[in-house]
Amino acid sequence: MVLDREALDRVRLVALDIDGTLIDDDLEVSENAVSAINGLIKRGIRVALVSGRTWKAAEHIRQKLGVEIPVVCYNGAKVVIPAIDHDFTTKIPLAEARKIIAYGEERELYTKMYIDDVLHIKEPDEKSLAFCRNSHIDYKVVGKLSENVHEDVNMIVVYYKEDHYGVIDEKLREIDVTVTTSISNSIDVIPKGISKERGLRLVAEHLGIKSSEILAMGNSLNDIEMLRYAGIGIAMKNGDVSLLSKWSNVSEHTNNEDGVYHVLKLL
């Protein structure tokens, strides 16, 4: 990891991915990280969470930090900034959502969709229910998704039967959406033109902060635009291969080794 002292001294905003970055594999935030984040805020350095999680799941982590900070969720499709009386939400139009759901069903791929923080699933399998418990979100069993989606959708996740690393096939390219990935065997489908970078840019503009004054950390391919946008972009040592093959500035510690804290203490 290469960090320039002058660049560190310019940082006015820290943008943190949640899963695989801020939290460990047991889904916990370390006391060191909480203390460091609160210390930065007291010094006037802003902090934002930038995640693929739903709003409720990301808000659960924000509450653990005990601070009012901006939250970017759904990979940038929803942005909540304290002191602003409305959030910024973009959804996948119903017509495009139906095409993605059909894509998954035609290939017999496990597919789920989020509408207003509620996970919609075909049937109550244990994996989905455990995910909802761990993420502190509600779920709704609706049967066949293609027959039961009647409104715009926040995000759709399609799971492949083997590692896929966000590869976009020709059929997906025909659908007017953005496709990214947070884990190796699935894709996250979000509204066209949306990304974590777009969400972070919105936060920075409202706070009057330049991209050169941002430090961002993430562990998956859905973080790469955000890392490129920030003046300092750091991939986690435990990042997935699809990110680490494209990004060379890597933390010296993993998420299980307090990687975020070891970076923040340098500010």
C-alpha atoms as a PDB file:
ATOM      1  CA  MET A   1       0.000   0.000   0.000  1.00  0.00           C
ATOM      2  CA  VAL A   2       1.390   3.358  -1.045  1.00  0.00           C
ATOM      3  CA  LEU A   3      -0.001   6.425   0.730  1.00  0.00           C
ATOM      4  CA  ASP A   4       1.304   9.929   0.128  1.00  0.00           C
ATOM      5  CA  ARG A   5       1.452  12.113   3.239  1.00  0.00           C
ATOM      6  CA  GLU A   6       0.314  15.218   1.403  1.00  0.00           C
ATOM      7  CA  ALA A   7      -2.649  13.331  -0.061  1.00  0.00           C
ATOM      8  CA  LEU A   8      -3.579  12.015   3.384  1.00  0.00           C
ATOM      9  CA  ASP A   9      -3.465  15.522   4.807  1.00  0.00           C
ATOM     10  CA  ARG A  10      -5.946  16.674   2.138  1.00  0.00           C
ATOM     11  CA  VAL A  11      -8.601  14.102   3.078  1.00  0.00           C
ATOM     12  CA  ARG A  12     -11.913  15.662   4.126  1.00  0.00           C
ATOM     13  CA  LEU A  13     -14.194  12.678   3.419  1.00  0.00           C
ATOM     14  CA  VAL A  14     -13.707   8.950   4.058  1.00  0.00           C
ATOM     15  CA  ALA A  15     -15.956   6.584   2.086  1.00  0.00           C
ATOM     16  CA  LEU A  16     -16.231   3.041   3.418  1.00  0.00           C
ATOM     17  CA  ASP A  17     -17.775  -0.048   1.900  1.00  0.00           C
ATOM     18  CA  ILE A  18     -19.383  -2.226   4.584  1.00  0.00           C
ATOM     19  CA  ASP A  19     -19.239  -5.975   3.902  1.00  0.00           C
ATOM     20  CA  GLY A  20     -15.705  -7.287   3.583  1.00  0.00           C
ATOM     21  CA  THR A  21     -14.333  -3.835   4.411  1.00  0.00           C
ATOM     22  CA  LEU A  22     -15.651  -2.085   7.513  1.00  0.00           C
ATOM     23  CA  ILE A  23     -17.100  -5.219   9.101  1.00  0.00           C
ATOM     24  CA  ASP A  24     -15.375  -8.553   9.686  1.00  0.00           C
ATOM     25  CA  ASP A  25     -16.596 -11.943   8.544  1.00  0.00           C
ATOM     26  CA  ASP A  26     -18.713 -12.191  11.706  1.00  0.00           C
ATOM     27  CA  LEU A  27     -20.524  -9.018  10.570  1.00  0.00           C
ATOM     28  CA  GLU A  28     -19.096  -6.944  13.425  1.00  0.00           C
ATOM     29  CA  VAL A  29     -17.476  -3.500  13.485  1.00  0.00           C
ATOM     30  CA  SER A  30     -14.369  -3.394  15.667  1.00  0.00           C
ATOM     31  CA  GLU A  31     -14.166  -1.022  18.621  1.00  0.00           C
ATOM     32  CA  ASN A  32     -10.991   0.380  17.080  1.00  0.00           C
ATOM     33  CA  ALA A  33     -12.804   1.263  13.851  1.00  0.00           C
ATOM     34  CA  VAL A  34     -15.728   2.843  15.719  1.00  0.00           C
ATOM     35  CA  SER A  35     -13.320   4.929  17.803  1.00  0.00           C
ATOM     36  CA  ALA A  36     -11.310   5.996  14.751  1.00  0.00           C
ATOM     37  CA  ILE A  37     -14.424   7.039  12.817  1.00  0.00           C
ATOM     38  CA  ASN A  38     -15.769   9.045  15.732  1.00  0.00           C
ATOM     39  CA  GLY A  39     -12.355  10.661  16.152  1.00  0.00           C
ATOM     40  CA  LEU A  40     -12.264  11.713  12.502  1.00  0.00           C
ATOM     41  CA  ILE A  41     -15.713  13.265  12.736  1.00  0.00           C
ATOM     42  CA  LYS A  42     -14.733  15.230  15.834  1.00  0.00           C
ATOM     43  CA  ARG A  43     -11.812  16.628  13.815  1.00  0.00           C
ATOM     44  CA  GLY A  44     -14.138  17.734  11.017  1.00  0.00           C
ATOM     45  CA  ILE A  45     -13.377  14.899   8.593  1.00  0.00           C
ATOM     46  CA  ARG A  46     -16.612  13.529   7.140  1.00  0.00           C
ATOM     47  CA  VAL A  47     -17.357   9.806   6.837  1.00  0.00           C
ATOM     48  CA  ALA A  48     -19.862   8.050   4.569  1.00  0.00           C
ATOM     49  CA  LEU A  49     -20.947   4.431   4.205  1.00  0.00           C
ATOM     50  CA  VAL A  50     -21.113   3.292   0.578  1.00  0.00           C
ATOM     51  CA  SER A  51     -22.637  -0.157   0.219  1.00  0.00           C
ATOM     52  CA  GLY A  52     -24.534  -2.618  -1.920  1.00  0.00           C
ATOM     53  CA  ARG A  53     -26.766  -3.255   1.095  1.00  0.00           C
ATOM     54  CA  THR A  54     -30.349  -2.109   1.426  1.00  0.00           C
ATOM     55  CA  TRP A  55     -31.011   1.098   3.352  1.00  0.00           C
ATOM     56  CA  LYS A  56     -32.146  -0.767   6.494  1.00  0.00           C
ATOM     57  CA  ALA A  57     -29.144  -3.102   6.448  1.00  0.00           C
ATOM     58  CA  ALA A  58     -26.701  -0.228   5.973  1.00  0.00           C
ATOM     59  CA  GLU A  59     -28.505   1.861   8.596  1.00  0.00           C
ATOM     60  CA  HIS A  60     -28.024  -0.987  11.100  1.00  0.00           C
ATOM     61  CA  ILE A  61     -24.255  -0.592  10.708  1.00  0.00           C
ATOM     62  CA  ARG A  62     -24.482   3.192  10.905  1.00  0.00           C
ATOM     63  CA  GLN A  63     -26.271   2.847  14.218  1.00  0.00           C
ATOM     64  CA  LYS A  64     -23.404   0.725  15.504  1.00  0.00           C
ATOM     65  CA  LEU A  65     -21.081   3.607  14.710  1.00  0.00           C
ATOM     66  CA  GLY A  66     -23.315   5.953  16.686  1.00  0.00           C
ATOM     67  CA  VAL A  67     -22.949   8.888  14.307  1.00  0.00           C
ATOM     68  CA  GLU A  68     -25.179  10.700  11.803  1.00  0.00           C
ATOM     69  CA  ILE A  69     -23.384  10.248   8.495  1.00  0.00           C
ATOM     70  CA  PRO A  70     -24.351   9.949   4.816  1.00  0.00           C
ATOM     71  CA  VAL A  71     -25.300   6.479   3.619  1.00  0.00           C
ATOM     72  CA  VAL A  72     -25.120   5.312   0.015  1.00  0.00           C
ATOM     73  CA  CYS A  73     -26.903   1.979  -0.470  1.00  0.00           C
ATOM     74  CA  TYR A  74     -28.112  -0.321  -3.252  1.00  0.00           C
ATOM     75  CA  ASN A  75     -24.747   0.282  -4.965  1.00  0.00           C
ATOM     76  CA  GLY A  76     -25.586   3.969  -5.342  1.00  0.00           C
ATOM     77  CA  ALA A  77     -29.295   3.724  -6.183  1.00  0.00           C
ATOM     78  CA  LYS A  78     -30.302   5.314  -2.861  1.00  0.00           C
ATOM     79  CA  VAL A  79     -28.432   8.116  -1.093  1.00  0.00           C
ATOM     80  CA  VAL A  80     -29.399   9.446   2.327  1.00  0.00           C
ATOM     81  CA  ILE A  81     -27.648  12.595   3.577  1.00  0.00           C
ATOM     82  CA  PRO A  82     -28.429  13.914   7.084  1.00  0.00           C
ATOM     83  CA  ALA A  83     -29.927  17.418   7.200  1.00  0.00           C
ATOM     84  CA  ILE A  84     -31.437  17.040   3.724  1.00  0.00           C
ATOM     85  CA  ASP A  85     -35.201  16.537   3.897  1.00  0.00           C
ATOM     86  CA  HIS A  86     -35.381  13.849   1.228  1.00  0.00           C
ATOM     87  CA  ASP A  87     -33.257  10.989  -0.019  1.00  0.00           C
ATOM     88  CA  PHE A  88     -32.143  10.403  -3.585  1.00  0.00           C
ATOM     89  CA  THR A  89     -33.585   7.160  -4.919  1.00  0.00           C
ATOM     90  CA  THR A  90     -33.456   5.692  -8.415  1.00  0.00           C
ATOM     91  CA  LYS A  91     -35.205   2.425  -9.293  1.00  0.00           C
ATOM     92  CA  ILE A  92     -35.113  -0.105 -12.115  1.00  0.00           C
ATOM     93  CA  PRO A  93     -38.178   0.530 -14.312  1.00  0.00           C
ATOM     94  CA  LEU A  94     -40.709  -2.300 -14.154  1.00  0.00           C
ATOM     95  CA  ALA A  95     -40.230  -3.242 -17.815  1.00  0.00           C
ATOM     96  CA  GLU A  96     -36.470  -3.700 -17.392  1.00  0.00           C
ATOM     97  CA  ALA A  97     -36.890  -5.488 -14.050  1.00  0.00           C
ATOM     98  CA  ARG A  98     -39.138  -8.056 -15.735  1.00  0.00           C
ATOM     99  CA  LYS A  99     -36.470  -8.701 -18.378  1.00  0.00           C
ATOM    100  CA  ILE A 100     -33.826  -9.384 -15.716  1.00  0.00           C
ATOM    101  CA  ILE A 101     -36.135 -11.690 -13.775  1.00  0.00           C
ATOM    102  CA  ALA A 102     -36.946 -13.559 -16.980  1.00  0.00           C
ATOM    103  CA  TYR A 103     -33.208 -13.838 -17.679  1.00  0.00           C
ATOM    104  CA  GLY A 104     -32.712 -15.598 -14.343  1.00  0.00           C
ATOM    105  CA  GLU A 105     -35.756 -17.835 -14.579  1.00  0.00           C
ATOM    106  CA  GLU A 106     -35.001 -18.974 -18.129  1.00  0.00           C
ATOM    107  CA  ARG A 107     -31.566 -20.144 -16.938  1.00  0.00           C
ATOM    108  CA  GLU A 108     -32.916 -21.622 -13.685  1.00  0.00           C
ATOM    109  CA  LEU A 109     -30.745 -19.259 -11.662  1.00  0.00           C
ATOM    110  CA  TYR A 110     -31.621 -18.249  -8.112  1.00  0.00           C
ATOM    111  CA  THR A 111     -32.944 -14.698  -8.382  1.00  0.00           C
ATOM    112  CA  LYS A 112     -34.154 -12.236  -5.746  1.00  0.00           C
ATOM    113  CA  MET A 113     -35.325  -8.649  -5.857  1.00  0.00           C
ATOM    114  CA  TYR A 114     -35.553  -5.742  -3.437  1.00  0.00           C
ATOM    115  CA  ILE A 115     -38.457  -3.325  -3.349  1.00  0.00           C
ATOM    116  CA  ASP A 116     -38.318  -0.624  -0.680  1.00  0.00           C
ATOM    117  CA  ASP A 117     -35.987  -2.623   1.587  1.00  0.00           C
ATOM    118  CA  VAL A 118     -38.087  -5.796   1.453  1.00  0.00           C
ATOM    119  CA  LEU A 119     -36.485  -8.870  -0.104  1.00  0.00           C
ATOM    120  CA  HIS A 120     -38.919 -10.581  -2.488  1.00  0.00           C
ATOM    121  CA  ILE A 121     -38.247 -14.292  -2.962  1.00  0.00           C
ATOM    122  CA  LYS A 122     -39.948 -17.184  -4.700  1.00  0.00           C
ATOM    123  CA  GLU A 123     -39.991 -19.467  -1.661  1.00  0.00           C
ATOM    124  CA  PRO A 124     -38.707 -19.342   1.934  1.00  0.00           C
ATOM    125  CA  ASP A 125     -35.402 -21.186   1.636  1.00  0.00           C
ATOM    126  CA  GLU A 126     -33.150 -21.193   4.700  1.00  0.00           C
ATOM    127  CA  LYS A 127     -30.330 -19.346   2.947  1.00  0.00           C
ATOM    128  CA  SER A 128     -32.573 -16.365   2.182  1.00  0.00           C
ATOM    129  CA  LEU A 129     -34.113 -16.313   5.639  1.00  0.00           C
ATOM    130  CA  ALA A 130     -30.696 -16.417   7.307  1.00  0.00           C
ATOM    131  CA  PHE A 131     -29.567 -13.586   5.046  1.00  0.00           C
ATOM    132  CA  CYS A 132     -32.542 -11.476   6.100  1.00  0.00           C
ATOM    133  CA  ARG A 133     -31.872 -12.133   9.770  1.00  0.00           C
ATOM    134  CA  ASN A 134     -28.209 -11.182   9.424  1.00  0.00           C
ATOM    135  CA  SER A 135     -29.036  -8.106   7.353  1.00  0.00           C
ATOM    136  CA  HIS A 136     -31.917  -6.974   9.591  1.00  0.00           C
ATOM    137  CA  ILE A 137     -34.366  -6.709   6.703  1.00  0.00           C
ATOM    138  CA  ASP A 138     -37.825  -8.101   6.017  1.00  0.00           C
ATOM    139  CA  TYR A 139     -38.739 -10.587   3.316  1.00  0.00           C
ATOM    140  CA  LYS A 140     -41.839 -11.424   1.325  1.00  0.00           C
ATOM    141  CA  VAL A 141     -42.560 -14.790  -0.295  1.00  0.00           C
ATOM    142  CA  VAL A 142     -44.317 -14.064  -3.590  1.00  0.00           C
ATOM    143  CA  GLY A 143     -43.994 -17.209  -5.685  1.00  0.00           C
ATOM    144  CA  LYS A 144     -42.667 -16.927  -9.225  1.00  0.00           C
ATOM    145  CA  LEU A 145     -41.077 -13.497  -9.400  1.00  0.00           C
ATOM    146  CA  SER A 146     -41.898 -12.822 -13.045  1.00  0.00           C
ATOM    147  CA  GLU A 147     -45.601 -13.182 -12.260  1.00  0.00           C
ATOM    148  CA  ASN A 148     -45.472 -11.058  -9.130  1.00  0.00           C
ATOM    149  CA  VAL A 149     -43.461  -7.932  -9.856  1.00  0.00           C
ATOM    150  CA  HIS A 150     -45.780  -4.993 -10.444  1.00  0.00           C
ATOM    151  CA  GLU A 151     -43.672  -1.957  -9.608  1.00  0.00           C
ATOM    152  CA  ASP A 152     -40.211  -0.498 -10.065  1.00  0.00           C
ATOM    153  CA  VAL A 153     -37.414  -2.328  -8.224  1.00  0.00           C
ATOM    154  CA  ASN A 154     -34.430  -1.086  -6.206  1.00  0.00           C
ATOM    155  CA  MET A 155     -32.083  -3.969  -7.066  1.00  0.00           C
ATOM    156  CA  ILE A 156     -32.114  -7.506  -8.426  1.00  0.00           C
ATOM    157  CA  VAL A 157     -29.503 -10.133  -7.582  1.00  0.00           C
ATOM    158  CA  VAL A 158     -28.924 -13.172  -9.794  1.00  0.00           C
ATOM    159  CA  TYR A 159     -26.810 -16.078  -8.510  1.00  0.00           C
ATOM    160  CA  TYR A 160     -24.927 -18.294 -10.952  1.00  0.00           C
ATOM    161  CA  LYS A 161     -24.123 -21.952 -10.418  1.00  0.00           C
ATOM    162  CA  GLU A 162     -20.393 -21.229 -10.496  1.00  0.00           C
ATOM    163  CA  ASP A 163     -18.097 -18.234 -10.109  1.00  0.00           C
ATOM    164  CA  HIS A 164     -19.019 -15.573 -12.617  1.00  0.00           C
ATOM    165  CA  TYR A 165     -17.045 -12.474 -11.555  1.00  0.00           C
ATOM    166  CA  GLY A 166     -19.511 -10.002 -12.992  1.00  0.00           C
ATOM    167  CA  VAL A 167     -19.147 -11.102 -16.605  1.00  0.00           C
ATOM    168  CA  ILE A 168     -21.906  -9.523 -18.672  1.00  0.00           C
ATOM    169  CA  ASP A 169     -23.223 -11.723 -21.478  1.00  0.00           C
ATOM    170  CA  GLU A 170     -24.901 -10.450 -24.631  1.00  0.00           C
ATOM    171  CA  LYS A 171     -28.425 -10.982 -23.306  1.00  0.00           C
ATOM    172  CA  LEU A 172     -27.714  -8.776 -20.292  1.00  0.00           C
ATOM    173  CA  ARG A 173     -26.224  -6.085 -22.534  1.00  0.00           C
ATOM    174  CA  GLU A 174     -29.588  -5.811 -24.312  1.00  0.00           C
ATOM    175  CA  ILE A 175     -31.333  -4.783 -21.069  1.00  0.00           C
ATOM    176  CA  ASP A 176     -31.236  -1.107 -20.070  1.00  0.00           C
ATOM    177  CA  VAL A 177     -29.668  -1.524 -16.615  1.00  0.00           C
ATOM    178  CA  THR A 178     -26.271  -1.453 -14.907  1.00  0.00           C
ATOM    179  CA  VAL A 179     -24.732  -4.763 -13.882  1.00  0.00           C
ATOM    180  CA  THR A 180     -22.074  -5.025 -11.189  1.00  0.00           C
ATOM    181  CA  THR A 181     -20.995  -7.619  -8.638  1.00  0.00           C
ATOM    182  CA  SER A 182     -20.171  -7.841  -4.940  1.00  0.00           C
ATOM    183  CA  ILE A 183     -19.410 -11.577  -4.734  1.00  0.00           C
ATOM    184  CA  SER A 184     -17.878 -13.944  -7.255  1.00  0.00           C
ATOM    185  CA  ASN A 185     -20.961 -16.039  -8.104  1.00  0.00           C
ATOM    186  CA  SER A 186     -23.622 -13.354  -8.503  1.00  0.00           C
ATOM    187  CA  ILE A 187     -24.474 -10.113 -10.236  1.00  0.00           C
ATOM    188  CA  ASP A 188     -26.186  -7.056  -8.774  1.00  0.00           C
ATOM    189  CA  VAL A 189     -28.543  -5.371 -11.216  1.00  0.00           C
ATOM    190  CA  ILE A 190     -29.247  -1.702 -10.540  1.00  0.00           C
ATOM    191  CA  PRO A 191     -30.697   1.240 -12.499  1.00  0.00           C
ATOM    192  CA  LYS A 192     -28.907   2.389 -15.641  1.00  0.00           C
ATOM    193  CA  GLY A 193     -26.076   4.816 -14.949  1.00  0.00           C
ATOM    194  CA  ILE A 194     -25.951   4.072 -11.236  1.00  0.00           C
ATOM    195  CA  SER A 195     -22.797   3.133  -9.296  1.00  0.00           C
ATOM    196  CA  LYS A 196     -21.209   3.618  -5.909  1.00  0.00           C
ATOM    197  CA  GLU A 197     -19.099   6.334  -7.511  1.00  0.00           C
ATOM    198  CA  ARG A 198     -22.245   8.193  -8.589  1.00  0.00           C
ATOM    199  CA  GLY A 199     -23.653   7.958  -5.060  1.00  0.00           C
ATOM    200  CA  LEU A 200     -20.397   9.111  -3.476  1.00  0.00           C
ATOM    201  CA  ARG A 201     -20.132  11.968  -5.974  1.00  0.00           C
ATOM    202  CA  LEU A 202     -23.590  13.152  -4.904  1.00  0.00           C
ATOM    203  CA  VAL A 203     -22.536  13.110  -1.237  1.00  0.00           C
ATOM    204  CA  ALA A 204     -19.305  14.966  -1.999  1.00  0.00           C
ATOM    205  CA  GLU A 205     -21.094  17.643  -4.019  1.00  0.00           C
ATOM    206  CA  HIS A 206     -23.568  18.310  -1.210  1.00  0.00           C
ATOM    207  CA  LEU A 207     -20.718  18.551   1.300  1.00  0.00           C
ATOM    208  CA  GLY A 208     -18.609  20.767  -0.948  1.00  0.00           C
ATOM    209  CA  ILE A 209     -15.761  18.240  -1.095  1.00  0.00           C
ATOM    210  CA  LYS A 210     -13.506  17.586  -4.101  1.00  0.00           C
ATOM    211  CA  SER A 211     -12.717  14.069  -5.303  1.00  0.00           C
ATOM    212  CA  SER A 212      -9.035  14.711  -4.487  1.00  0.00           C
ATOM    213  CA  GLU A 213     -10.088  15.163  -0.857  1.00  0.00           C
ATOM    214  CA  ILE A 214     -11.690  11.704  -0.586  1.00  0.00           C
ATOM    215  CA  LEU A 215     -10.235   8.445   0.731  1.00  0.00           C
ATOM    216  CA  ALA A 216     -12.274   5.372  -0.248  1.00  0.00           C
ATOM    217  CA  MET A 217     -11.946   1.713   0.737  1.00  0.00           C
ATOM    218  CA  GLY A 218     -13.658  -1.356  -0.728  1.00  0.00           C
ATOM    219  CA  ASN A 219     -13.236  -5.058  -1.408  1.00  0.00           C
ATOM    220  CA  SER A 220     -15.286  -5.949  -4.492  1.00  0.00           C
ATOM    221  CA  LEU A 221     -15.613  -5.101  -8.157  1.00  0.00           C
ATOM    222  CA  ASN A 222     -18.636  -2.916  -7.404  1.00  0.00           C
ATOM    223  CA  ASP A 223     -16.202  -0.613  -5.543  1.00  0.00           C
ATOM    224  CA  ILE A 224     -13.806   0.048  -8.404  1.00  0.00           C
ATOM    225  CA  GLU A 225     -15.502   3.181  -9.810  1.00  0.00           C
ATOM    226  CA  MET A 226     -15.554   4.631  -6.286  1.00  0.00           C
ATOM    227  CA  LEU A 227     -11.856   3.860  -5.794  1.00  0.00           C
ATOM    228  CA  ARG A 228     -11.024   5.515  -9.110  1.00  0.00           C
ATOM    229  CA  TYR A 229     -13.047   8.599  -8.239  1.00  0.00           C
ATOM    230  CA  ALA A 230     -11.400   9.133  -4.850  1.00  0.00           C
ATOM    231  CA  GLY A 231      -8.098  10.928  -4.441  1.00  0.00           C
ATOM    232  CA  ILE A 232      -6.959   7.886  -2.442  1.00  0.00           C
ATOM    233  CA  GLY A 233      -8.545   4.551  -3.347  1.00  0.00           C
ATOM    234  CA  ILE A 234      -7.619   1.466  -1.326  1.00  0.00           C
ATOM    235  CA  ALA A 235      -8.686  -2.099  -2.068  1.00  0.00           C
ATOM    236  CA  MET A 236      -8.831  -4.446   0.901  1.00  0.00           C
ATOM    237  CA  LYS A 237      -6.202  -7.155   1.192  1.00  0.00           C
ATOM    238  CA  ASN A 238      -9.083  -9.658   1.331  1.00  0.00           C
ATOM    239  CA  GLY A 239     -10.647  -8.205  -1.824  1.00  0.00           C
ATOM    240  CA  ASP A 240     -11.959 -10.542  -4.491  1.00  0.00           C
ATOM    241  CA  VAL A 241      -9.728 -11.449  -7.403  1.00  0.00           C
ATOM    242  CA  SER A 242     -11.805  -9.463  -9.903  1.00  0.00           C
ATOM    243  CA  LEU A 243     -10.955  -6.268  -8.009  1.00  0.00           C
ATOM    244  CA  LEU A 244      -7.367  -7.060  -7.036  1.00  0.00           C
ATOM    245  CA  SER A 245      -6.514  -7.914 -10.647  1.00  0.00           C
ATOM    246  CA  LYS A 246      -7.472  -4.338 -11.580  1.00  0.00           C
ATOM    247  CA  TRP A 247      -6.352  -2.338  -8.517  1.00  0.00           C
ATOM    248  CA  SER A 248      -2.812  -2.186  -7.139  1.00  0.00           C
ATOM    249  CA  ASN A 249      -3.167   0.000  -4.039  1.00  0.00           C
ATOM    250  CA  VAL A 250      -4.064  -2.653  -1.456  1.00  0.00           C
ATOM    251  CA  SER A 251      -4.353  -2.465   2.337  1.00  0.00           C
ATOM    252  CA  GLU A 252      -1.790  -4.271   4.473  1.00  0.00           C
ATOM    253  CA  HIS A 253      -4.507  -5.833   6.643  1.00  0.00           C
ATOM    254  CA  THR A 254      -7.739  -7.697   5.905  1.00  0.00           C
ATOM    255  CA  ASN A 255     -11.199  -6.879   7.212  1.00  0.00           C
ATOM    256  CA  ASN A 256     -10.609  -9.504   9.919  1.00  0.00           C
ATOM    257  CA  GLU A 257      -7.380  -7.751  10.909  1.00  0.00           C
ATOM    258  CA  ASP A 258      -8.906  -4.303  11.442  1.00  0.00           C
ATOM    259  CA  GLY A 259      -7.837  -3.145   7.987  1.00  0.00           C
ATOM    260  CA  VAL A 260      -9.993  -0.014   8.034  1.00  0.00           C
ATOM    261  CA  TYR A 261      -8.681   1.068  11.438  1.00  0.00           C
ATOM    262  CA  HIS A 262      -5.048   0.654  10.351  1.00  0.00           C
ATOM    263  CA  VAL A 263      -5.683   3.062   7.468  1.00  0.00           C
ATOM    264  CA  LEU A 264      -7.802   5.585   9.361  1.00  0.00           C
ATOM    265  CA  LYS A 265      -5.254   5.950  12.130  1.00  0.00           C
ATOM    266  CA  LEU A 266      -2.887   7.431   9.524  1.00  0.00           C
ATOM    267  CA  LEU A 267      -5.162  10.421   8.926  1.00  0.00           C
END
